[in-house]
Amino acid sequence: MFELFQQNISLMSLPEAIAVATGLASVWFAKKENILVYPTGIISVLIYVFICFDVKLYAEAGINFYYFVMSIYGWYEWIKKDDKKDHIHISKNNFKEQIISIGLFIISFFILSQTLLRFTDSNVPYLDSFATSLFFVAMWLMAKKKIENWTLWIIGDLICIPLYFYKGLMLTSFQYLVFTFIALGGYLEWNKKLKVNSTI
């Protein structure tokens, strides 16, 4: 396994290296609730659109394009001010938002899995669609600064570790392992801020 990792590192392309570096930076900035999460993330996801398409992870390619669009939206949401002249704060989903999140996941999983099964040569349609659907909802929740986004990132990251390993993208697989730990830290850090905000 270690030799396979070394081989993949030696064969790693410059675009993948840049995508991994900026992707890790983006998740770290998200953990810190830093606006730089978006510009660094945009670089990473645009590169991954092409990487994922090349290895037939079509749903992951699609979700990376979605990340690009949502990064623009999230960037705007994080810097805009509401009627109280204040930026949005970390919060939890209410019941309605939970139902919407679950509904978005179910609908996106059904559409993606059926699309991959019928119209592509993907050999991992369900796993690809499941992880992608989790990320689809997680990105929307992150733009809204909902703490539940971290739970979905963690689950999706754990799925992507073996998925990218199977596809021969060793460094990207390792990146998702690092993502998992950063996401765990992100949840804990945002949870502390949530408790502080609730006492103000």
N, C-alpha and C. Protein backbone atom coordinates (compact mmCIF):
# COMPACT_ATOMS: atom_id res chain seq x y z
N MET A 1 0.83 -1.20 0.00
CA MET A 1 0.00 0.00 0.00
C MET A 1 0.87 1.26 0.00
N PHE A 2 1.95 1.23 0.80
CA PHE A 2 2.85 2.37 0.86
C PHE A 2 3.55 2.58 -0.48
N GLU A 3 3.94 1.45 -1.13
CA GLU A 3 4.59 1.54 -2.44
C GLU A 3 3.62 2.10 -3.48
N LEU A 4 2.36 1.69 -3.39
CA LEU A 4 1.35 2.21 -4.32
C LEU A 4 1.17 3.71 -4.12
N PHE A 5 1.20 4.13 -2.85
CA PHE A 5 1.09 5.55 -2.55
C PHE A 5 2.26 6.33 -3.16
N GLN A 6 3.48 5.78 -3.02
CA GLN A 6 4.67 6.42 -3.59
C GLN A 6 4.58 6.52 -5.11
N GLN A 7 4.10 5.44 -5.73
CA GLN A 7 3.96 5.43 -7.19
C GLN A 7 2.98 6.50 -7.65
N ASN A 8 1.86 6.61 -6.94
CA ASN A 8 0.86 7.60 -7.32
C ASN A 8 1.35 9.02 -7.10
N ILE A 9 2.15 9.22 -6.05
CA ILE A 9 2.74 10.54 -5.79
C ILE A 9 3.65 10.93 -6.95
N SER A 10 4.47 9.95 -7.40
CA SER A 10 5.42 10.23 -8.48
C SER A 10 4.71 10.51 -9.80
N LEU A 11 3.52 9.90 -9.98
CA LEU A 11 2.76 10.09 -11.21
C LEU A 11 1.75 11.24 -11.12
N MET A 12 1.67 11.85 -9.95
CA MET A 12 0.70 12.91 -9.73
C MET A 12 0.96 14.09 -10.66
N SER A 13 -0.10 14.61 -11.24
CA SER A 13 0.03 15.74 -12.14
C SER A 13 0.09 17.04 -11.36
N LEU A 14 0.61 18.08 -11.99
CA LEU A 14 0.66 19.40 -11.36
C LEU A 14 -0.74 19.92 -11.05
N PRO A 15 -1.71 19.76 -11.97
CA PRO A 15 -3.07 20.21 -11.64
C PRO A 15 -3.64 19.55 -10.38
N GLU A 16 -3.40 18.22 -10.22
CA GLU A 16 -3.92 17.55 -9.02
C GLU A 16 -3.23 18.10 -7.77
N ALA A 17 -1.93 18.36 -7.86
CA ALA A 17 -1.19 18.90 -6.72
C ALA A 17 -1.75 20.27 -6.32
N ILE A 18 -2.02 21.11 -7.31
CA ILE A 18 -2.58 22.44 -7.03
C ILE A 18 -3.98 22.31 -6.45
N ALA A 19 -4.77 21.40 -7.02
CA ALA A 19 -6.15 21.19 -6.54
C ALA A 19 -6.16 20.71 -5.09
N VAL A 20 -5.24 19.81 -4.76
CA VAL A 20 -5.16 19.29 -3.40
C VAL A 20 -4.74 20.40 -2.43
N ALA A 21 -3.71 21.15 -2.79
CA ALA A 21 -3.19 22.21 -1.92
C ALA A 21 -4.25 23.28 -1.65
N THR A 22 -4.90 23.74 -2.71
CA THR A 22 -5.92 24.78 -2.53
C THR A 22 -7.17 24.22 -1.86
N GLY A 23 -7.46 22.94 -2.10
CA GLY A 23 -8.61 22.31 -1.45
C GLY A 23 -8.41 22.21 0.05
N LEU A 24 -7.21 21.80 0.46
CA LEU A 24 -6.90 21.72 1.90
C LEU A 24 -6.95 23.11 2.54
N ALA A 25 -6.41 24.09 1.83
CA ALA A 25 -6.44 25.47 2.35
C ALA A 25 -7.87 25.95 2.52
N SER A 26 -8.72 25.62 1.55
CA SER A 26 -10.11 26.05 1.60
C SER A 26 -10.85 25.48 2.81
N VAL A 27 -10.67 24.18 3.06
CA VAL A 27 -11.35 23.57 4.21
C VAL A 27 -10.81 24.13 5.52
N TRP A 28 -9.51 24.41 5.56
CA TRP A 28 -8.93 25.01 6.76
C TRP A 28 -9.53 26.40 7.00
N PHE A 29 -9.68 27.19 5.95
CA PHE A 29 -10.28 28.52 6.10
C PHE A 29 -11.75 28.41 6.51
N ALA A 30 -12.45 27.38 6.03
CA ALA A 30 -13.85 27.17 6.43
C ALA A 30 -13.93 26.88 7.92
N LYS A 31 -12.99 26.07 8.40
CA LYS A 31 -12.93 25.75 9.82
C LYS A 31 -12.78 27.01 10.64
N LYS A 32 -11.99 27.95 10.15
CA LYS A 32 -11.72 29.20 10.86
C LYS A 32 -12.78 30.27 10.58
N GLU A 33 -13.79 29.92 9.78
CA GLU A 33 -14.85 30.85 9.38
C GLU A 33 -14.22 32.07 8.69
N ASN A 34 -13.24 31.80 7.83
CA ASN A 34 -12.49 32.84 7.14
C ASN A 34 -12.97 32.92 5.69
N ILE A 35 -13.20 34.14 5.19
CA ILE A 35 -13.74 34.35 3.85
C ILE A 35 -12.86 33.77 2.75
N LEU A 36 -11.58 33.52 3.06
CA LEU A 36 -10.68 32.94 2.06
C LEU A 36 -11.06 31.52 1.68
N VAL A 37 -12.02 30.93 2.40
CA VAL A 37 -12.53 29.61 2.03
C VAL A 37 -13.00 29.60 0.58
N TYR A 38 -13.54 30.72 0.11
CA TYR A 38 -14.14 30.75 -1.22
C TYR A 38 -13.14 30.94 -2.37
N PRO A 39 -12.24 31.91 -2.34
CA PRO A 39 -11.30 32.01 -3.46
C PRO A 39 -10.39 30.79 -3.60
N THR A 40 -9.92 30.24 -2.48
CA THR A 40 -9.07 29.05 -2.56
C THR A 40 -9.89 27.85 -3.04
N GLY A 41 -11.12 27.76 -2.58
CA GLY A 41 -11.98 26.67 -2.99
C GLY A 41 -12.31 26.71 -4.47
N ILE A 42 -12.51 27.90 -5.01
CA ILE A 42 -12.84 28.04 -6.42
C ILE A 42 -11.74 27.48 -7.31
N ILE A 43 -10.49 27.77 -6.95
CA ILE A 43 -9.37 27.24 -7.73
C ILE A 43 -9.38 25.72 -7.72
N SER A 44 -9.55 25.15 -6.53
CA SER A 44 -9.52 23.70 -6.38
C SER A 44 -10.64 23.01 -7.15
N VAL A 45 -11.86 23.51 -6.99
CA VAL A 45 -12.99 22.80 -7.61
C VAL A 45 -12.99 22.89 -9.12
N LEU A 46 -12.52 23.99 -9.67
CA LEU A 46 -12.47 24.09 -11.13
C LEU A 46 -11.50 23.08 -11.72
N ILE A 47 -10.38 22.86 -11.03
CA ILE A 47 -9.42 21.85 -11.49
C ILE A 47 -10.02 20.46 -11.36
N TYR A 48 -10.73 20.22 -10.24
CA TYR A 48 -11.30 18.89 -10.02
C TYR A 48 -12.44 18.55 -10.97
N VAL A 49 -13.07 19.54 -11.55
CA VAL A 49 -14.09 19.25 -12.56
C VAL A 49 -13.46 18.40 -13.68
N PHE A 50 -12.29 18.81 -14.13
CA PHE A 50 -11.61 18.11 -15.22
C PHE A 50 -10.99 16.80 -14.76
N ILE A 51 -10.42 16.78 -13.55
CA ILE A 51 -9.80 15.56 -13.03
C ILE A 51 -10.84 14.45 -12.86
N CYS A 52 -11.97 14.78 -12.24
CA CYS A 52 -13.01 13.79 -11.99
C CYS A 52 -13.63 13.27 -13.28
N PHE A 53 -13.83 14.16 -14.23
CA PHE A 53 -14.39 13.74 -15.50
C PHE A 53 -13.45 12.76 -16.20
N ASP A 54 -12.15 13.01 -16.07
CA ASP A 54 -11.15 12.18 -16.73
C ASP A 54 -11.14 10.76 -16.19
N VAL A 55 -11.44 10.59 -14.87
CA VAL A 55 -11.44 9.24 -14.27
C VAL A 55 -12.85 8.67 -14.13
N LYS A 56 -13.80 9.28 -14.83
CA LYS A 56 -15.19 8.79 -14.90
C LYS A 56 -15.94 8.88 -13.58
N LEU A 57 -15.56 9.84 -12.74
CA LEU A 57 -16.36 10.16 -11.55
C LEU A 57 -17.25 11.34 -11.93
N TYR A 58 -18.27 11.03 -12.71
CA TYR A 58 -19.07 12.09 -13.32
C TYR A 58 -19.87 12.91 -12.32
N ALA A 59 -20.42 12.24 -11.31
CA ALA A 59 -21.17 12.98 -10.30
C ALA A 59 -20.24 13.91 -9.51
N GLU A 60 -19.04 13.42 -9.21
CA GLU A 60 -18.07 14.25 -8.51
C GLU A 60 -17.62 15.43 -9.37
N ALA A 61 -17.52 15.21 -10.68
CA ALA A 61 -17.20 16.32 -11.58
C ALA A 61 -18.31 17.36 -11.54
N GLY A 62 -19.55 16.87 -11.56
CA GLY A 62 -20.69 17.78 -11.50
C GLY A 62 -20.77 18.54 -10.20
N ILE A 63 -20.48 17.85 -9.08
CA ILE A 63 -20.57 18.52 -7.79
C ILE A 63 -19.48 19.58 -7.66
N ASN A 64 -18.35 19.36 -8.28
CA ASN A 64 -17.29 20.36 -8.23
C ASN A 64 -17.68 21.62 -9.00
N PHE A 65 -18.41 21.44 -10.11
CA PHE A 65 -18.91 22.62 -10.81
C PHE A 65 -19.95 23.32 -9.95
N TYR A 66 -20.78 22.54 -9.26
CA TYR A 66 -21.77 23.11 -8.33
C TYR A 66 -21.06 23.86 -7.21
N TYR A 67 -19.93 23.31 -6.70
CA TYR A 67 -19.15 24.01 -5.69
C TYR A 67 -18.73 25.39 -6.18
N PHE A 68 -18.34 25.45 -7.45
CA PHE A 68 -17.92 26.72 -8.03
C PHE A 68 -19.06 27.74 -7.96
N VAL A 69 -20.23 27.33 -8.40
CA VAL A 69 -21.40 28.23 -8.38
C VAL A 69 -21.75 28.62 -6.95
N MET A 70 -21.77 27.63 -6.04
CA MET A 70 -22.12 27.90 -4.65
C MET A 70 -21.04 28.70 -3.93
N SER A 71 -19.81 28.60 -4.39
CA SER A 71 -18.74 29.40 -3.80
C SER A 71 -18.96 30.88 -4.09
N ILE A 72 -19.41 31.18 -5.29
CA ILE A 72 -19.74 32.56 -5.62
C ILE A 72 -20.89 33.05 -4.74
N TYR A 73 -21.92 32.20 -4.60
CA TYR A 73 -23.08 32.54 -3.77
C TYR A 73 -22.67 32.67 -2.30
N GLY A 74 -21.89 31.70 -1.80
CA GLY A 74 -21.46 31.72 -0.41
C GLY A 74 -20.59 32.93 -0.10
N TRP A 75 -19.71 33.27 -1.04
CA TRP A 75 -18.84 34.42 -0.89
C TRP A 75 -19.69 35.67 -0.68
N TYR A 76 -20.74 35.81 -1.50
CA TYR A 76 -21.65 36.95 -1.37
C TYR A 76 -22.39 36.91 -0.03
N GLU A 77 -22.89 35.72 0.35
CA GLU A 77 -23.64 35.59 1.60
C GLU A 77 -22.80 35.94 2.82
N TRP A 78 -21.53 35.54 2.79
CA TRP A 78 -20.67 35.77 3.95
C TRP A 78 -20.25 37.23 4.10
N ILE A 79 -20.20 37.98 3.00
CA ILE A 79 -19.74 39.38 3.10
C ILE A 79 -20.89 40.37 3.16
N LYS A 80 -22.09 39.94 2.76
CA LYS A 80 -23.22 40.88 2.78
C LYS A 80 -23.67 41.12 4.22
N LYS A 81 -24.39 42.18 4.42
CA LYS A 81 -24.93 42.52 5.74
C LYS A 81 -26.45 42.52 5.67
N ASP A 82 -27.08 42.13 6.79
CA ASP A 82 -28.53 42.11 6.81
C ASP A 82 -29.07 43.47 7.25
N ASP A 83 -30.35 43.53 7.58
CA ASP A 83 -30.98 44.79 7.96
C ASP A 83 -30.40 45.37 9.24
N LYS A 84 -29.80 44.52 10.06
CA LYS A 84 -29.19 44.98 11.31
C LYS A 84 -27.72 45.37 11.10
N LYS A 85 -27.30 45.42 9.84
CA LYS A 85 -25.92 45.79 9.50
C LYS A 85 -24.92 44.82 10.11
N ASP A 86 -25.27 43.57 10.12
CA ASP A 86 -24.39 42.56 10.70
C ASP A 86 -24.28 41.37 9.75
N HIS A 87 -23.16 40.69 9.80
CA HIS A 87 -22.98 39.51 8.95
C HIS A 87 -23.75 38.33 9.52
N ILE A 88 -24.05 37.34 8.69
CA ILE A 88 -24.76 36.17 9.19
C ILE A 88 -23.87 35.40 10.16
N HIS A 89 -24.51 34.77 11.14
CA HIS A 89 -23.79 34.04 12.17
C HIS A 89 -24.05 32.55 12.05
N ILE A 90 -23.21 31.77 12.68
CA ILE A 90 -23.37 30.33 12.72
C ILE A 90 -24.66 29.99 13.46
N SER A 91 -25.43 29.07 12.91
CA SER A 91 -26.69 28.67 13.54
C SER A 91 -26.99 27.20 13.22
N LYS A 92 -28.04 26.68 13.84
CA LYS A 92 -28.49 25.32 13.57
C LYS A 92 -29.71 25.36 12.66
N ASN A 93 -29.92 24.28 11.94
CA ASN A 93 -31.12 24.15 11.14
C ASN A 93 -32.36 24.12 12.03
N ASN A 94 -33.41 24.80 11.62
CA ASN A 94 -34.69 24.60 12.28
C ASN A 94 -35.37 23.39 11.62
N PHE A 95 -36.56 23.05 12.09
CA PHE A 95 -37.23 21.85 11.57
C PHE A 95 -37.46 21.93 10.06
N LYS A 96 -37.89 23.09 9.59
CA LYS A 96 -38.15 23.26 8.17
C LYS A 96 -36.88 23.08 7.35
N GLU A 97 -35.79 23.65 7.84
CA GLU A 97 -34.51 23.54 7.13
C GLU A 97 -34.00 22.10 7.12
N GLN A 98 -34.27 21.36 8.20
CA GLN A 98 -33.88 19.95 8.24
C GLN A 98 -34.64 19.14 7.19
N ILE A 99 -35.93 19.40 7.08
CA ILE A 99 -36.76 18.70 6.09
C ILE A 99 -36.28 19.03 4.68
N ILE A 100 -35.98 20.31 4.43
CA ILE A 100 -35.48 20.72 3.12
C ILE A 100 -34.17 20.03 2.81
N SER A 101 -33.27 19.96 3.80
CA SER A 101 -31.97 19.32 3.60
C SER A 101 -32.12 17.84 3.25
N ILE A 102 -32.97 17.14 3.99
CA ILE A 102 -33.21 15.72 3.72
C ILE A 102 -33.82 15.53 2.35
N GLY A 103 -34.78 16.39 2.02
CA GLY A 103 -35.44 16.32 0.72
C GLY A 103 -34.46 16.55 -0.42
N LEU A 104 -33.59 17.53 -0.27
CA LEU A 104 -32.58 17.81 -1.29
C LEU A 104 -31.65 16.63 -1.50
N PHE A 105 -31.28 15.98 -0.39
CA PHE A 105 -30.40 14.82 -0.49
C PHE A 105 -31.07 13.68 -1.25
N ILE A 106 -32.30 13.35 -0.87
CA ILE A 106 -33.02 12.23 -1.50
C ILE A 106 -33.23 12.48 -2.99
N ILE A 107 -33.68 13.69 -3.32
CA ILE A 107 -33.94 14.02 -4.73
C ILE A 107 -32.66 13.99 -5.56
N SER A 108 -31.60 14.60 -5.02
CA SER A 108 -30.34 14.64 -5.78
C SER A 108 -29.75 13.25 -5.93
N PHE A 109 -29.85 12.41 -4.89
CA PHE A 109 -29.31 11.05 -4.99
C PHE A 109 -30.06 10.25 -6.06
N PHE A 110 -31.37 10.36 -6.07
CA PHE A 110 -32.17 9.63 -7.05
C PHE A 110 -31.83 10.08 -8.47
N ILE A 111 -31.79 11.39 -8.69
CA ILE A 111 -31.51 11.92 -10.03
C ILE A 111 -30.11 11.54 -10.49
N LEU A 112 -29.13 11.73 -9.60
CA LEU A 112 -27.74 11.44 -9.97
C LEU A 112 -27.51 9.96 -10.24
N SER A 113 -27.99 9.11 -9.35
CA SER A 113 -27.76 7.67 -9.52
C SER A 113 -28.41 7.14 -10.80
N GLN A 114 -29.62 7.59 -11.07
CA GLN A 114 -30.31 7.15 -12.28
C GLN A 114 -29.63 7.68 -13.54
N THR A 115 -29.14 8.90 -13.44
CA THR A 115 -28.43 9.50 -14.59
C THR A 115 -27.15 8.74 -14.89
N LEU A 116 -26.40 8.42 -13.85
CA LEU A 116 -25.14 7.69 -14.04
C LEU A 116 -25.39 6.28 -14.54
N LEU A 117 -26.43 5.65 -14.03
CA LEU A 117 -26.73 4.28 -14.46
C LEU A 117 -27.16 4.21 -15.92
N ARG A 118 -27.93 5.18 -16.35
CA ARG A 118 -28.52 5.11 -17.69
C ARG A 118 -27.69 5.76 -18.79
N PHE A 119 -26.92 6.79 -18.42
CA PHE A 119 -26.29 7.58 -19.47
C PHE A 119 -24.77 7.64 -19.42
N THR A 120 -24.14 6.96 -18.46
CA THR A 120 -22.68 7.02 -18.38
C THR A 120 -22.11 5.61 -18.23
N ASP A 121 -20.79 5.53 -18.30
CA ASP A 121 -20.09 4.26 -18.11
C ASP A 121 -19.48 4.16 -16.72
N SER A 122 -20.04 4.90 -15.76
CA SER A 122 -19.54 4.87 -14.39
C SER A 122 -19.65 3.47 -13.81
N ASN A 123 -18.59 3.03 -13.11
CA ASN A 123 -18.64 1.71 -12.47
C ASN A 123 -18.88 1.83 -10.96
N VAL A 124 -19.11 3.05 -10.48
CA VAL A 124 -19.45 3.27 -9.07
C VAL A 124 -20.61 4.28 -8.97
N PRO A 125 -21.72 4.04 -9.66
CA PRO A 125 -22.78 5.04 -9.72
C PRO A 125 -23.43 5.39 -8.38
N TYR A 126 -23.65 4.37 -7.54
CA TYR A 126 -24.34 4.63 -6.28
C TYR A 126 -23.44 5.34 -5.26
N LEU A 127 -22.20 4.87 -5.15
CA LEU A 127 -21.27 5.48 -4.21
C LEU A 127 -20.95 6.91 -4.63
N ASP A 128 -20.71 7.10 -5.91
CA ASP A 128 -20.44 8.43 -6.46
C ASP A 128 -21.62 9.37 -6.18
N SER A 129 -22.82 8.88 -6.44
CA SER A 129 -24.03 9.70 -6.26
C SER A 129 -24.30 9.99 -4.79
N PHE A 130 -24.04 9.01 -3.92
CA PHE A 130 -24.30 9.19 -2.49
C PHE A 130 -23.40 10.29 -1.92
N ALA A 131 -22.10 10.19 -2.19
CA ALA A 131 -21.16 11.19 -1.69
C ALA A 131 -21.48 12.57 -2.27
N THR A 132 -21.78 12.58 -3.55
CA THR A 132 -22.06 13.85 -4.22
C THR A 132 -23.31 14.51 -3.65
N SER A 133 -24.33 13.73 -3.36
CA SER A 133 -25.57 14.27 -2.79
C SER A 133 -25.34 14.85 -1.40
N LEU A 134 -24.51 14.18 -0.61
CA LEU A 134 -24.16 14.72 0.70
C LEU A 134 -23.46 16.07 0.56
N PHE A 135 -22.51 16.13 -0.37
CA PHE A 135 -21.77 17.37 -0.58
C PHE A 135 -22.65 18.47 -1.15
N PHE A 136 -23.62 18.09 -1.97
CA PHE A 136 -24.56 19.04 -2.55
C PHE A 136 -25.28 19.81 -1.44
N VAL A 137 -25.79 19.08 -0.46
CA VAL A 137 -26.50 19.70 0.66
C VAL A 137 -25.53 20.42 1.59
N ALA A 138 -24.36 19.82 1.83
CA ALA A 138 -23.38 20.41 2.74
C ALA A 138 -22.93 21.79 2.27
N MET A 139 -22.71 21.94 0.97
CA MET A 139 -22.25 23.22 0.43
C MET A 139 -23.30 24.30 0.61
N TRP A 140 -24.56 23.93 0.42
CA TRP A 140 -25.66 24.88 0.61
C TRP A 140 -25.74 25.30 2.08
N LEU A 141 -25.59 24.34 2.99
CA LEU A 141 -25.65 24.64 4.42
C LEU A 141 -24.46 25.49 4.86
N MET A 142 -23.29 25.25 4.26
CA MET A 142 -22.12 26.05 4.61
C MET A 142 -22.31 27.50 4.20
N ALA A 143 -22.90 27.72 3.02
CA ALA A 143 -23.15 29.08 2.56
C ALA A 143 -24.07 29.82 3.52
N LYS A 144 -24.94 29.06 4.20
CA LYS A 144 -25.88 29.64 5.17
C LYS A 144 -25.31 29.62 6.59
N LYS A 145 -24.08 29.15 6.73
CA LYS A 145 -23.40 29.02 8.03
C LYS A 145 -24.19 28.15 9.00
N LYS A 146 -24.70 27.04 8.50
CA LYS A 146 -25.40 26.07 9.33
C LYS A 146 -24.41 25.02 9.81
N ILE A 147 -24.37 24.76 11.10
CA ILE A 147 -23.36 23.86 11.66
C ILE A 147 -23.51 22.43 11.14
N GLU A 148 -24.70 22.07 10.69
CA GLU A 148 -24.92 20.72 10.18
C GLU A 148 -24.09 20.43 8.93
N ASN A 149 -23.59 21.47 8.28
CA ASN A 149 -22.77 21.24 7.08
C ASN A 149 -21.57 20.35 7.39
N TRP A 150 -21.00 20.50 8.59
CA TRP A 150 -19.80 19.73 8.93
C TRP A 150 -20.08 18.24 9.06
N THR A 151 -21.26 17.90 9.58
CA THR A 151 -21.62 16.49 9.70
C THR A 151 -21.67 15.82 8.33
N LEU A 152 -22.26 16.51 7.36
CA LEU A 152 -22.35 15.96 6.01
C LEU A 152 -20.99 15.88 5.33
N TRP A 153 -20.15 16.89 5.56
CA TRP A 153 -18.79 16.84 5.00
C TRP A 153 -18.03 15.64 5.54
N ILE A 154 -18.16 15.39 6.84
CA ILE A 154 -17.44 14.28 7.47
C ILE A 154 -17.85 12.94 6.86
N ILE A 155 -19.17 12.72 6.74
CA ILE A 155 -19.66 11.46 6.17
C ILE A 155 -19.20 11.32 4.72
N GLY A 156 -19.35 12.39 3.94
CA GLY A 156 -18.94 12.35 2.54
C GLY A 156 -17.45 12.13 2.37
N ASP A 157 -16.65 12.78 3.22
CA ASP A 157 -15.19 12.61 3.16
C ASP A 157 -14.80 11.15 3.41
N LEU A 158 -15.45 10.52 4.38
CA LEU A 158 -15.14 9.13 4.71
C LEU A 158 -15.48 8.20 3.54
N ILE A 159 -16.49 8.54 2.79
CA ILE A 159 -16.85 7.75 1.61
C ILE A 159 -15.81 7.95 0.50
N CYS A 160 -15.34 9.20 0.34
CA CYS A 160 -14.43 9.53 -0.75
C CYS A 160 -13.02 8.99 -0.57
N ILE A 161 -12.63 8.68 0.65
CA ILE A 161 -11.29 8.13 0.89
C ILE A 161 -11.10 6.83 0.09
N PRO A 162 -11.97 5.82 0.26
CA PRO A 162 -11.79 4.59 -0.54
C PRO A 162 -12.19 4.78 -2.01
N LEU A 163 -13.11 5.70 -2.27
CA LEU A 163 -13.56 5.91 -3.65
C LEU A 163 -12.43 6.42 -4.53
N TYR A 164 -11.71 7.43 -4.08
CA TYR A 164 -10.59 7.97 -4.87
C TYR A 164 -9.39 7.03 -4.87
N PHE A 165 -9.22 6.27 -3.78
CA PHE A 165 -8.16 5.26 -3.74
C PHE A 165 -8.41 4.22 -4.84
N TYR A 166 -9.65 3.79 -4.95
CA TYR A 166 -10.04 2.81 -5.96
C TYR A 166 -9.80 3.34 -7.38
N LYS A 167 -9.97 4.65 -7.56
CA LYS A 167 -9.79 5.27 -8.87
C LYS A 167 -8.33 5.61 -9.16
N GLY A 168 -7.43 5.30 -8.22
CA GLY A 168 -6.01 5.53 -8.45
C GLY A 168 -5.53 6.93 -8.15
N LEU A 169 -6.40 7.76 -7.56
CA LEU A 169 -6.01 9.13 -7.18
C LEU A 169 -5.61 9.12 -5.72
N MET A 170 -4.40 8.62 -5.47
CA MET A 170 -3.94 8.37 -4.11
C MET A 170 -3.84 9.65 -3.29
N LEU A 171 -3.28 10.69 -3.90
CA LEU A 171 -3.10 11.93 -3.15
C LEU A 171 -4.46 12.54 -2.82
N THR A 172 -5.39 12.46 -3.74
CA THR A 172 -6.73 12.98 -3.48
C THR A 172 -7.41 12.16 -2.38
N SER A 173 -7.20 10.86 -2.39
CA SER A 173 -7.73 10.01 -1.33
C SER A 173 -7.18 10.44 0.02
N PHE A 174 -5.87 10.69 0.06
CA PHE A 174 -5.23 11.16 1.29
C PHE A 174 -5.78 12.54 1.68
N GLN A 175 -6.05 13.37 0.68
CA GLN A 175 -6.61 14.69 0.95
C GLN A 175 -7.94 14.56 1.69
N TYR A 176 -8.77 13.60 1.28
CA TYR A 176 -10.06 13.43 1.94
C TYR A 176 -9.91 12.90 3.36
N LEU A 177 -8.85 12.17 3.62
CA LEU A 177 -8.56 11.76 4.99
C LEU A 177 -8.25 12.99 5.84
N VAL A 178 -7.44 13.89 5.30
CA VAL A 178 -7.13 15.14 6.01
C VAL A 178 -8.39 15.98 6.15
N PHE A 179 -9.21 16.02 5.08
CA PHE A 179 -10.48 16.75 5.14
C PHE A 179 -11.32 16.28 6.32
N THR A 180 -11.33 14.97 6.55
CA THR A 180 -12.15 14.41 7.63
C THR A 180 -11.75 14.99 8.98
N PHE A 181 -10.44 15.04 9.23
CA PHE A 181 -9.96 15.57 10.51
C PHE A 181 -10.21 17.08 10.62
N ILE A 182 -10.02 17.79 9.52
CA ILE A 182 -10.29 19.24 9.55
C ILE A 182 -11.78 19.49 9.78
N ALA A 183 -12.62 18.67 9.13
CA ALA A 183 -14.07 18.82 9.30
C ALA A 183 -14.50 18.55 10.74
N LEU A 184 -13.87 17.57 11.36
CA LEU A 184 -14.15 17.30 12.77
C LEU A 184 -13.78 18.52 13.62
N GLY A 185 -12.61 19.09 13.32
CA GLY A 185 -12.19 20.30 14.02
C GLY A 185 -13.12 21.46 13.72
N GLY A 186 -13.57 21.54 12.48
CA GLY A 186 -14.49 22.60 12.08
C GLY A 186 -15.79 22.53 12.85
N TYR A 187 -16.32 21.31 13.00
CA TYR A 187 -17.56 21.15 13.76
C TYR A 187 -17.38 21.61 15.20
N LEU A 188 -16.28 21.18 15.82
CA LEU A 188 -16.03 21.56 17.22
C LEU A 188 -15.85 23.07 17.37
N GLU A 189 -15.12 23.67 16.43
CA GLU A 189 -14.87 25.11 16.51
C GLU A 189 -16.15 25.92 16.28
N TRP A 190 -16.93 25.51 15.27
CA TRP A 190 -18.19 26.21 15.01
C TRP A 190 -19.18 26.01 16.15
N ASN A 191 -19.15 24.85 16.79
CA ASN A 191 -20.04 24.57 17.90
C ASN A 191 -19.75 25.50 19.08
N LYS A 192 -18.46 25.76 19.32
CA LYS A 192 -18.08 26.70 20.38
C LYS A 192 -18.60 28.09 20.07
N LYS A 193 -18.44 28.52 18.81
CA LYS A 193 -18.92 29.84 18.42
C LYS A 193 -20.44 29.93 18.50
N LEU A 194 -21.11 28.82 18.16
CA LEU A 194 -22.57 28.78 18.24
C LEU A 194 -23.05 28.98 19.67
N LYS A 195 -22.35 28.33 20.61
CA LYS A 195 -22.71 28.48 22.03
C LYS A 195 -22.48 29.91 22.52
N VAL A 196 -21.40 30.51 22.04
CA VAL A 196 -21.11 31.91 22.42
C VAL A 196 -22.19 32.84 21.87
N ASN A 197 -22.55 32.64 20.60
CA ASN A 197 -23.58 33.48 19.96
C ASN A 197 -24.93 33.33 20.66
N SER A 198 -25.23 32.11 21.12
CA SER A 198 -26.54 31.87 21.76
C SER A 198 -26.65 32.51 23.13
N THR A 199 -25.49 32.85 23.72
CA THR A 199 -25.53 33.49 25.06
C THR A 199 -25.53 35.00 24.97
N ILE A 200 -25.30 35.54 23.73
CA ILE A 200 -25.26 37.00 23.55
C ILE A 200 -26.67 37.55 23.45
